C-alpha atoms as a PDB file:
ATOM      1  CA  UNK A   1      60.686-176.507  42.834  1.00  0.00           C
ATOM      2  CA  UNK A   2      58.993-177.660  38.907  1.00  0.00           C
ATOM      3  CA  UNK A   3      55.165-175.853  39.227  1.00  0.00           C
ATOM      4  CA  UNK A   4      52.409-177.846  38.505  1.00  0.00           C
ATOM      5  CA  UNK A   5      48.308-178.303  37.840  1.00  0.00           C
ATOM      6  CA  UNK A   6      45.254-179.438  39.098  1.00  0.00           C
ATOM      7  CA  UNK A   7      43.499-180.245  36.015  1.00  0.00           C
ATOM      8  CA  UNK A   8      40.308-180.632  37.227  1.00  0.00           C
ATOM      9  CA  UNK A   9      38.558-182.985  34.754  1.00  0.00           C
ATOM     10  CA  UNK A  10      34.889-182.768  34.980  1.00  0.00           C
ATOM     11  CA  UNK A  11      35.339-178.578  34.287  1.00  0.00           C
ATOM     12  CA  UNK A  12      37.667-179.132  31.133  1.00  0.00           C
ATOM     13  CA  UNK A  13      35.109-181.518  29.507  1.00  0.00           C
ATOM     14  CA  UNK A  14      32.412-178.842  29.807  1.00  0.00           C
ATOM     15  CA  UNK A  15      34.634-176.452  28.669  1.00  0.00           C
ATOM     16  CA  UNK A  16      35.189-178.691  24.859  1.00  0.00           C
ATOM     17  CA  UNK A  17      31.428-180.113  25.252  1.00  0.00           C
ATOM     18  CA  UNK A  18      30.668-175.541  24.887  1.00  0.00           C
ATOM     19  CA  UNK A  19      33.389-175.053  22.529  1.00  0.00           C
ATOM     20  CA  UNK A  20      31.991-178.080  20.703  1.00  0.00           C
ATOM     21  CA  UNK A  21      28.724-176.543  20.116  1.00  0.00           C
ATOM     22  CA  UNK A  22      29.517-173.162  19.344  1.00  0.00           C
ATOM     23  CA  UNK A  23      31.607-174.658  15.600  1.00  0.00           C
ATOM     24  CA  UNK A  24      28.548-176.620  15.508  1.00  0.00           C
ATOM     25  CA  UNK A  25      26.502-173.088  15.910  1.00  0.00           C
ATOM     26  CA  UNK A  26      29.067-171.657  13.651  1.00  0.00           C
ATOM     27  CA  UNK A  27      28.902-174.660  11.003  1.00  0.00           C
ATOM     28  CA  UNK A  28      25.126-174.617  11.083  1.00  0.00           C
ATOM     29  CA  UNK A  29      25.027-170.528  10.345  1.00  0.00           C
ATOM     30  CA  UNK A  30      27.425-170.373   8.076  1.00  0.00           C
ATOM     31  CA  UNK A  31      25.607-173.487   5.723  1.00  0.00           C
ATOM     32  CA  UNK A  32      21.864-172.395   6.019  1.00  0.00           C
ATOM     33  CA  UNK A  33      23.718-168.243   5.394  1.00  0.00           C
ATOM     34  CA  UNK A  34      21.384-168.504   2.678  1.00  0.00           C
ATOM     35  CA  UNK A  35      18.150-170.109   4.168  1.00  0.00           C
ATOM     36  CA  UNK A  36      16.281-167.396   5.907  1.00  0.00           C
ATOM     37  CA  UNK A  37      12.117-167.867   6.682  1.00  0.00           C
ATOM     38  CA  UNK A  38       9.858-165.419   4.914  1.00  0.00           C
ATOM     39  CA  UNK A  39       8.508-165.250   8.477  1.00  0.00           C
ATOM     40  CA  UNK A  40      12.138-165.332  10.738  1.00  0.00           C
ATOM     41  CA  UNK A  41      13.378-162.478   8.628  1.00  0.00           C
ATOM     42  CA  UNK A  42      14.884-159.891  11.521  1.00  0.00           C
ATOM     43  CA  UNK A  43      15.382-156.934   8.585  1.00  0.00           C
ATOM     44  CA  UNK A  44      13.462-156.351   5.247  1.00  0.00           C
ATOM     45  CA  UNK A  45      14.507-158.324   2.407  1.00  0.00           C
ATOM     46  CA  UNK A  46      14.761-158.644  -1.357  1.00  0.00           C
ATOM     47  CA  UNK A  47      13.160-162.072  -2.676  1.00  0.00           C
ATOM     48  CA  UNK A  48      15.387-163.334  -5.590  1.00  0.00           C
ATOM     49  CA  UNK A  49      14.817-167.515  -5.116  1.00  0.00           C
ATOM     50  CA  UNK A  50      12.993-169.544  -3.738  1.00  0.00           C
ATOM     51  CA  UNK A  51      15.264-173.336  -2.062  1.00  0.00           C
ATOM     52  CA  UNK A  52      12.710-175.559  -2.872  1.00  0.00           C
ATOM     53  CA  UNK A  53      14.083-179.791  -4.963  1.00  0.00           C
ATOM     54  CA  UNK A  54      11.040-178.916  -6.899  1.00  0.00           C
ATOM     55  CA  UNK A  55      11.004-178.033 -10.375  1.00  0.00           C
ATOM     56  CA  UNK A  56       8.609-174.398 -10.133  1.00  0.00           C
ATOM     57  CA  UNK A  57       9.871-171.454 -11.633  1.00  0.00           C
ATOM     58  CA  UNK A  58       8.044-167.932 -12.298  1.00  0.00           C
ATOM     59  CA  UNK A  59       8.547-166.053 -15.653  1.00  0.00           C
ATOM     60  CA  UNK A  60       7.775-162.314 -14.420  1.00  0.00           C
ATOM     61  CA  UNK A  61       7.003-160.176 -16.890  1.00  0.00           C
ATOM     62  CA  UNK A  62       7.083-155.889 -16.200  1.00  0.00           C
ATOM     63  CA  UNK A  63       5.458-153.127 -18.142  1.00  0.00           C
ATOM     64  CA  UNK A  64       6.057-149.859 -17.930  1.00  0.00           C
ATOM     65  CA  UNK A  65       5.121-147.999 -21.737  1.00  0.00           C
ATOM     66  CA  UNK A  66       3.780-149.483 -24.798  1.00  0.00           C
ATOM     67  CA  UNK A  67       1.205-151.556 -26.007  1.00  0.00           C
ATOM     68  CA  UNK A  68       1.828-153.754 -28.913  1.00  0.00           C
ATOM     69  CA  UNK A  69       4.228-156.200 -27.135  1.00  0.00           C
ATOM     70  CA  UNK A  70       1.850-156.799 -24.011  1.00  0.00           C
ATOM     71  CA  UNK A  71      -1.434-158.365 -26.534  1.00  0.00           C
ATOM     72  CA  UNK A  72       1.268-160.519 -28.296  1.00  0.00           C
ATOM     73  CA  UNK A  73       2.547-162.247 -24.883  1.00  0.00           C
ATOM     74  CA  UNK A  74      -0.938-162.782 -23.778  1.00  0.00           C
ATOM     75  CA  UNK A  75      -1.865-164.800 -26.328  1.00  0.00           C
ATOM     76  CA  UNK A  76       1.073-167.104 -26.590  1.00  0.00           C
ATOM     77  CA  UNK A  77       0.445-167.116 -22.821  1.00  0.00           C
ATOM     78  CA  UNK A  78      -3.101-168.499 -23.994  1.00  0.00           C
ATOM     79  CA  UNK A  79      -2.308-170.451 -26.255  1.00  0.00           C
ATOM     80  CA  UNK A  80       0.475-172.272 -24.175  1.00  0.00           C
ATOM     81  CA  UNK A  81      -2.144-172.864 -21.322  1.00  0.00           C
ATOM     82  CA  UNK A  82       0.571-170.753 -19.171  1.00  0.00           C
ATOM     83  CA  UNK A  83      -1.532-169.988 -16.214  1.00  0.00           C
ATOM     84  CA  UNK A  84       0.181-168.680 -13.316  1.00  0.00           C
ATOM     85  CA  UNK A  85       2.119-165.776 -14.743  1.00  0.00           C
ATOM     86  CA  UNK A  86       2.960-162.703 -12.847  1.00  0.00           C
ATOM     87  CA  UNK A  87       2.784-159.046 -13.999  1.00  0.00           C
ATOM     88  CA  UNK A  88       4.312-156.127 -12.592  1.00  0.00           C
ATOM     89  CA  UNK A  89       2.521-153.092 -13.753  1.00  0.00           C
ATOM     90  CA  UNK A  90       3.545-149.096 -13.356  1.00  0.00           C
ATOM     91  CA  UNK A  91       0.800-147.114 -12.725  1.00  0.00           C
ATOM     92  CA  UNK A  92       0.982-144.441 -15.448  1.00  0.00           C
ATOM     93  CA  UNK A  93       1.055-147.751 -17.918  1.00  0.00           C
ATOM     94  CA  UNK A  94      -2.098-149.413 -15.721  1.00  0.00           C
ATOM     95  CA  UNK A  95      -3.779-145.912 -16.450  1.00  0.00           C
ATOM     96  CA  UNK A  96      -3.376-145.763 -19.392  1.00  0.00           C
ATOM     97  CA  UNK A  97      -3.837-148.957 -21.164  1.00  0.00           C
ATOM     98  CA  UNK A  98      -7.238-149.965 -18.901  1.00  0.00           C
ATOM     99  CA  UNK A  99      -8.300-152.859 -22.245  1.00  0.00           C
ATOM    100  CA  UNK A 100      -4.563-154.748 -21.309  1.00  0.00           C
ATOM    101  CA  UNK A 101      -4.929-154.650 -17.448  1.00  0.00           C
ATOM    102  CA  UNK A 102      -8.800-155.872 -17.077  1.00  0.00           C
ATOM    103  CA  UNK A 103      -7.624-159.170 -20.276  1.00  0.00           C
ATOM    104  CA  UNK A 104      -4.578-159.099 -17.259  1.00  0.00           C
ATOM    105  CA  UNK A 105      -6.585-160.013 -14.535  1.00  0.00           C
ATOM    106  CA  UNK A 106      -9.380-161.599 -16.947  1.00  0.00           C
ATOM    107  CA  UNK A 107      -6.690-164.700 -17.231  1.00  0.00           C
ATOM    108  CA  UNK A 108      -5.896-164.167 -13.877  1.00  0.00           C
ATOM    109  CA  UNK A 109      -2.506-163.253 -13.769  1.00  0.00           C
ATOM    110  CA  UNK A 110      -0.916-162.244 -10.857  1.00  0.00           C
ATOM    111  CA  UNK A 111      -0.262-158.715 -10.733  1.00  0.00           C
ATOM    112  CA  UNK A 112       2.387-156.497  -8.450  1.00  0.00           C
ATOM    113  CA  UNK A 113       3.835-153.070  -8.874  1.00  0.00           C
ATOM    114  CA  UNK A 114       6.175-151.665 -10.803  1.00  0.00           C
ATOM    115  CA  UNK A 115       5.500-148.197  -8.673  1.00  0.00           C
ATOM    116  CA  UNK A 116       4.867-145.218 -10.290  1.00  0.00           C
ATOM    117  CA  UNK A 117       7.417-142.804 -11.398  1.00  0.00           C
ATOM    118  CA  UNK A 118      10.242-144.896 -13.599  1.00  0.00           C
ATOM    119  CA  UNK A 119      13.074-143.663 -11.126  1.00  0.00           C
ATOM    120  CA  UNK A 120      15.358-145.062  -8.277  1.00  0.00           C
ATOM    121  CA  UNK A 121      13.784-145.147  -5.143  1.00  0.00           C
ATOM    122  CA  UNK A 122      16.903-145.443  -3.650  1.00  0.00           C
ATOM    123  CA  UNK A 123      17.884-141.228  -4.726  1.00  0.00           C
ATOM    124  CA  UNK A 124      14.213-140.794  -3.040  1.00  0.00           C
ATOM    125  CA  UNK A 125      13.302-139.606   0.525  1.00  0.00           C
ATOM    126  CA  UNK A 126      11.715-142.038   2.756  1.00  0.00           C
ATOM    127  CA  UNK A 127       8.930-139.330   2.129  1.00  0.00           C
ATOM    128  CA  UNK A 128       9.309-139.666  -1.478  1.00  0.00           C
ATOM    129  CA  UNK A 129       9.043-143.622  -1.688  1.00  0.00           C
ATOM    130  CA  UNK A 130       6.591-143.802   1.109  1.00  0.00           C
ATOM    131  CA  UNK A 131       4.663-141.447  -1.735  1.00  0.00           C
ATOM    132  CA  UNK A 132       5.722-143.379  -5.298  1.00  0.00           C
ATOM    133  CA  UNK A 133       5.014-146.558  -3.897  1.00  0.00           C
ATOM    134  CA  UNK A 134       1.704-145.701  -2.603  1.00  0.00           C
ATOM    135  CA  UNK A 135       0.760-143.421  -5.227  1.00  0.00           C
ATOM    136  CA  UNK A 136       0.820-146.635  -7.572  1.00  0.00           C
ATOM    137  CA  UNK A 137      -1.073-148.837  -5.114  1.00  0.00           C
ATOM    138  CA  UNK A 138      -3.594-146.494  -5.168  1.00  0.00           C
ATOM    139  CA  UNK A 139      -3.477-146.954  -9.296  1.00  0.00           C
ATOM    140  CA  UNK A 140      -3.722-150.196  -9.228  1.00  0.00           C
ATOM    141  CA  UNK A 141      -6.683-150.815  -7.055  1.00  0.00           C
ATOM    142  CA  UNK A 142      -8.455-148.801  -9.402  1.00  0.00           C
ATOM    143  CA  UNK A 143      -8.102-150.572 -12.077  1.00  0.00           C
ATOM    144  CA  UNK A 144      -7.833-154.250 -10.565  1.00  0.00           C
ATOM    145  CA  UNK A 145      -9.846-154.438  -7.282  1.00  0.00           C
ATOM    146  CA  UNK A 146      -7.279-154.870  -5.396  1.00  0.00           C
ATOM    147  CA  UNK A 147      -3.776-154.112  -3.815  1.00  0.00           C
ATOM    148  CA  UNK A 148      -1.168-155.518  -5.045  1.00  0.00           C
ATOM    149  CA  UNK A 149       1.237-157.138  -2.027  1.00  0.00           C
ATOM    150  CA  UNK A 150       3.626-157.598  -4.524  1.00  0.00           C
ATOM    151  CA  UNK A 151       6.518-154.661  -5.727  1.00  0.00           C
ATOM    152  CA  UNK A 152       9.427-154.372  -7.832  1.00  0.00           C
ATOM    153  CA  UNK A 153      10.870-151.219  -8.173  1.00  0.00           C
ATOM    154  CA  UNK A 154      11.638-149.682 -10.942  1.00  0.00           C
ATOM    155  CA  UNK A 155      15.252-150.819 -12.839  1.00  0.00           C
ATOM    156  CA  UNK A 156      15.255-152.711  -9.951  1.00  0.00           C
ATOM    157  CA  UNK A 157      16.764-150.607  -7.840  1.00  0.00           C
ATOM    158  CA  UNK A 158      16.754-150.180  -4.038  1.00  0.00           C
ATOM    159  CA  UNK A 159      18.016-149.478  -0.775  1.00  0.00           C
ATOM    160  CA  UNK A 160      17.428-150.817   2.963  1.00  0.00           C
ATOM    161  CA  UNK A 161      14.868-147.824   3.709  1.00  0.00           C
ATOM    162  CA  UNK A 162      13.568-149.208   0.234  1.00  0.00           C
ATOM    163  CA  UNK A 163      12.937-152.361   2.170  1.00  0.00           C
ATOM    164  CA  UNK A 164      12.344-151.300   5.796  1.00  0.00           C
ATOM    165  CA  UNK A 165       9.316-148.354   3.792  1.00  0.00           C
ATOM    166  CA  UNK A 166       8.077-151.084   1.370  1.00  0.00           C
ATOM    167  CA  UNK A 167       7.276-154.182   4.428  1.00  0.00           C
ATOM    168  CA  UNK A 168       5.658-151.377   6.199  1.00  0.00           C
ATOM    169  CA  UNK A 169       3.053-150.567   3.725  1.00  0.00           C
ATOM    170  CA  UNK A 170       3.058-154.432   3.310  1.00  0.00           C
ATOM    171  CA  UNK A 171       4.635-155.272   0.154  1.00  0.00           C
ATOM    172  CA  UNK A 172       7.375-158.324  -0.736  1.00  0.00           C
ATOM    173  CA  UNK A 173      10.064-156.783  -2.646  1.00  0.00           C
ATOM    174  CA  UNK A 174      11.332-158.407  -5.990  1.00  0.00           C
ATOM    175  CA  UNK A 175      14.264-159.375  -7.629  1.00  0.00           C
ATOM    176  CA  UNK A 176      15.652-162.490  -9.759  1.00  0.00           C
ATOM    177  CA  UNK A 177      18.039-164.824 -10.114  1.00  0.00           C
ATOM    178  CA  UNK A 178      17.417-165.169 -13.928  1.00  0.00           C
ATOM    179  CA  UNK A 179      17.717-161.877 -16.153  1.00  0.00           C
ATOM    180  CA  UNK A 180      16.878-162.727 -19.666  1.00  0.00           C
ATOM    181  CA  UNK A 181      18.195-159.200 -20.566  1.00  0.00           C
ATOM    182  CA  UNK A 182      15.306-159.281 -23.611  1.00  0.00           C
ATOM    183  CA  UNK A 183      15.931-155.480 -22.505  1.00  0.00           C
ATOM    184  CA  UNK A 184      18.743-155.670 -24.426  1.00  0.00           C
ATOM    185  CA  UNK A 185      17.584-157.075 -27.560  1.00  0.00           C
ATOM    186  CA  UNK A 186      20.397-159.686 -28.031  1.00  0.00           C
ATOM    187  CA  UNK A 187      18.649-161.754 -29.893  1.00  0.00           C
ATOM    188  CA  UNK A 188      16.284-164.226 -29.869  1.00  0.00           C
ATOM    189  CA  UNK A 189      18.315-167.266 -29.157  1.00  0.00           C
ATOM    190  CA  UNK A 190      20.188-165.847 -26.656  1.00  0.00           C
ATOM    191  CA  UNK A 191      17.285-165.183 -24.680  1.00  0.00           C
ATOM    192  CA  UNK A 192      16.140-168.391 -25.178  1.00  0.00           C
ATOM    193  CA  UNK A 193      19.858-169.878 -24.953  1.00  0.00           C
ATOM    194  CA  UNK A 194      19.774-167.716 -22.040  1.00  0.00           C
ATOM    195  CA  UNK A 195      17.031-168.589 -19.487  1.00  0.00           C
ATOM    196  CA  UNK A 196      16.901-172.404 -20.853  1.00  0.00           C
ATOM    197  CA  UNK A 197      20.375-172.864 -19.401  1.00  0.00           C
ATOM    198  CA  UNK A 198      20.046-170.352 -15.410  1.00  0.00           C
ATOM    199  CA  UNK A 199      17.307-171.424 -14.958  1.00  0.00           C
ATOM    200  CA  UNK A 200      16.585-174.245 -11.879  1.00  0.00           C
ATOM    201  CA  UNK A 201      14.457-174.378  -9.435  1.00  0.00           C
ATOM    202  CA  UNK A 202      12.493-172.200  -7.008  1.00  0.00           C
ATOM    203  CA  UNK A 203      14.435-169.415  -9.506  1.00  0.00           C
ATOM    204  CA  UNK A 204      12.181-166.032 -10.521  1.00  0.00           C
ATOM    205  CA  UNK A 205      12.596-164.997 -14.494  1.00  0.00           C
ATOM    206  CA  UNK A 206      12.723-161.174 -15.358  1.00  0.00           C
ATOM    207  CA  UNK A 207      11.262-160.717 -19.082  1.00  0.00           C
ATOM    208  CA  UNK A 208       9.733-157.792 -20.103  1.00  0.00           C
ATOM    209  CA  UNK A 209       6.423-156.114 -22.260  1.00  0.00           C
ATOM    210  CA  UNK A 210       7.602-152.836 -22.817  1.00  0.00           C
ATOM    211  CA  UNK A 211       7.368-152.076 -26.096  1.00  0.00           C
ATOM    212  CA  UNK A 212      11.411-151.205 -26.337  1.00  0.00           C
ATOM    213  CA  UNK A 213      11.532-155.127 -26.010  1.00  0.00           C
ATOM    214  CA  UNK A 214      11.320-156.330 -29.523  1.00  0.00           C
ATOM    215  CA  UNK A 215      12.287-160.232 -29.546  1.00  0.00           C
ATOM    216  CA  UNK A 216      10.622-161.191 -26.059  1.00  0.00           C
ATOM    217  CA  UNK A 217       7.275-162.700 -28.055  1.00  0.00           C
ATOM    218  CA  UNK A 218       9.384-164.736 -30.294  1.00  0.00           C
ATOM    219  CA  UNK A 219      11.734-165.831 -27.906  1.00  0.00           C
ATOM    220  CA  UNK A 220       8.792-166.960 -24.761  1.00  0.00           C
ATOM    221  CA  UNK A 221       7.197-170.239 -27.008  1.00  0.00           C
ATOM    222  CA  UNK A 222      10.063-171.591 -27.579  1.00  0.00           C
ATOM    223  CA  UNK A 223      10.962-171.131 -23.483  1.00  0.00           C
ATOM    224  CA  UNK A 224       7.824-172.264 -22.416  1.00  0.00           C
ATOM    225  CA  UNK A 225       8.792-175.604 -24.954  1.00  0.00           C
ATOM    226  CA  UNK A 226      12.150-176.272 -23.290  1.00  0.00           C
ATOM    227  CA  UNK A 227      11.534-175.358 -19.455  1.00  0.00           C
ATOM    228  CA  UNK A 228       7.880-177.560 -20.253  1.00  0.00           C
ATOM    229  CA  UNK A 229      10.284-180.140 -21.874  1.00  0.00           C
ATOM    230  CA  UNK A 230      13.220-179.375 -18.599  1.00  0.00           C
ATOM    231  CA  UNK A 231      10.379-180.944 -16.618  1.00  0.00           C
ATOM    232  CA  UNK A 232       9.168-177.686 -14.390  1.00  0.00           C
ATOM    233  CA  UNK A 233       6.023-175.735 -13.709  1.00  0.00           C
ATOM    234  CA  UNK A 234       4.962-172.519 -14.031  1.00  0.00           C
ATOM    235  CA  UNK A 235       3.873-171.333 -10.317  1.00  0.00           C
ATOM    236  CA  UNK A 236       3.254-167.287  -9.687  1.00  0.00           C
ATOM    237  CA  UNK A 237       5.965-165.366  -7.982  1.00  0.00           C
ATOM    238  CA  UNK A 238       3.382-165.292  -5.380  1.00  0.00           C
ATOM    239  CA  UNK A 239       2.543-169.411  -4.978  1.00  0.00           C
ATOM    240  CA  UNK A 240       6.493-169.462  -5.528  1.00  0.00           C
ATOM    241  CA  UNK A 241       6.996-167.810  -1.550  1.00  0.00           C
ATOM    242  CA  UNK A 242       4.400-169.505  -0.181  1.00  0.00           C
ATOM    243  CA  UNK A 243       5.436-172.956  -0.792  1.00  0.00           C
ATOM    244  CA  UNK A 244       8.865-172.812   0.862  1.00  0.00           C
ATOM    245  CA  UNK A 245      11.620-170.946   2.909  1.00  0.00           C
ATOM    246  CA  UNK A 246      12.511-167.834   1.245  1.00  0.00           C
ATOM    247  CA  UNK A 247      16.130-168.051  -0.065  1.00  0.00           C
ATOM    248  CA  UNK A 248      17.469-164.545   0.301  1.00  0.00           C
ATOM    249  CA  UNK A 249      21.101-163.051  -1.231  1.00  0.00           C
ATOM    250  CA  UNK A 250      22.304-160.436   1.175  1.00  0.00           C
ATOM    251  CA  UNK A 251      20.937-157.286   1.479  1.00  0.00           C
ATOM    252  CA  UNK A 252      22.770-154.574  -0.235  1.00  0.00           C
ATOM    253  CA  UNK A 253      22.272-150.873  -2.365  1.00  0.00           C
ATOM    254  CA  UNK A 254      21.213-152.547  -5.857  1.00  0.00           C
ATOM    255  CA  UNK A 255      21.760-148.949  -7.540  1.00  0.00           C
ATOM    256  CA  UNK A 256      22.516-149.170 -10.555  1.00  0.00           C
ATOM    257  CA  UNK A 257      20.510-150.368 -12.936  1.00  0.00           C
ATOM    258  CA  UNK A 258      20.507-146.739 -15.044  1.00  0.00           C
ATOM    259  CA  UNK A 259      20.539-148.603 -17.794  1.00  0.00           C
ATOM    260  CA  UNK A 260      17.615-150.198 -17.725  1.00  0.00           C
ATOM    261  CA  UNK A 261      15.318-147.037 -17.422  1.00  0.00           C
ATOM    262  CA  UNK A 262      15.988-145.937 -20.115  1.00  0.00           C
ATOM    263  CA  UNK A 263      14.610-149.624 -21.988  1.00  0.00           C
ATOM    264  CA  UNK A 264      11.942-150.509 -19.685  1.00  0.00           C
END
């Protein structure tokens, strides 16, 4: 006798619908894997850019030493009418250049922390990571009148411990999607072309105002003009975060930017 099976149509339909729902859920997760809300994150993350259709970008400048480049860059920003910019200041530099810090504050620019010692935080113990962040926090609060809420770690180096500790201390870790490579001094036109061609809506652009970066102040006026010609507006990093969801890359240990330590 040949075996036969009784098929329950209602049960088959239920299994089919459950399978379809699962597949659709997986598809949505795959499509939206890069679009993660700042407030919905189950684990801390670094922010590289934000997804938006608005043509807005955040110009950011790291400063860790010197006084020759910051002043010209501030003058260019003022002359070009760029009111929304974020500066990431190292606390030792801030302590020894109070007049420049005051000028940045007086112009209304946003200030984030660039840490204390210019070392890779991933090499530190948890206690030392916390100490570095809070030492910088105290100095920057003393110099500017308030604690920063954003931090760009020295050399862009971090691991999951750094992200977790920064979040516990009420900091957002800010990276960048477009690196101008101005820290390599590759030539004014190279810096301009790199920024203007790579910039996109919601972008965070990395620039420097340390003395080792000798071409940034020459490239900056053209960058501003060309981005404006493309229809871009300039916002601070906080304004960028506030207006939309965060597009965050997969959390990975960002180690190996050692060459930056010699140049910033």
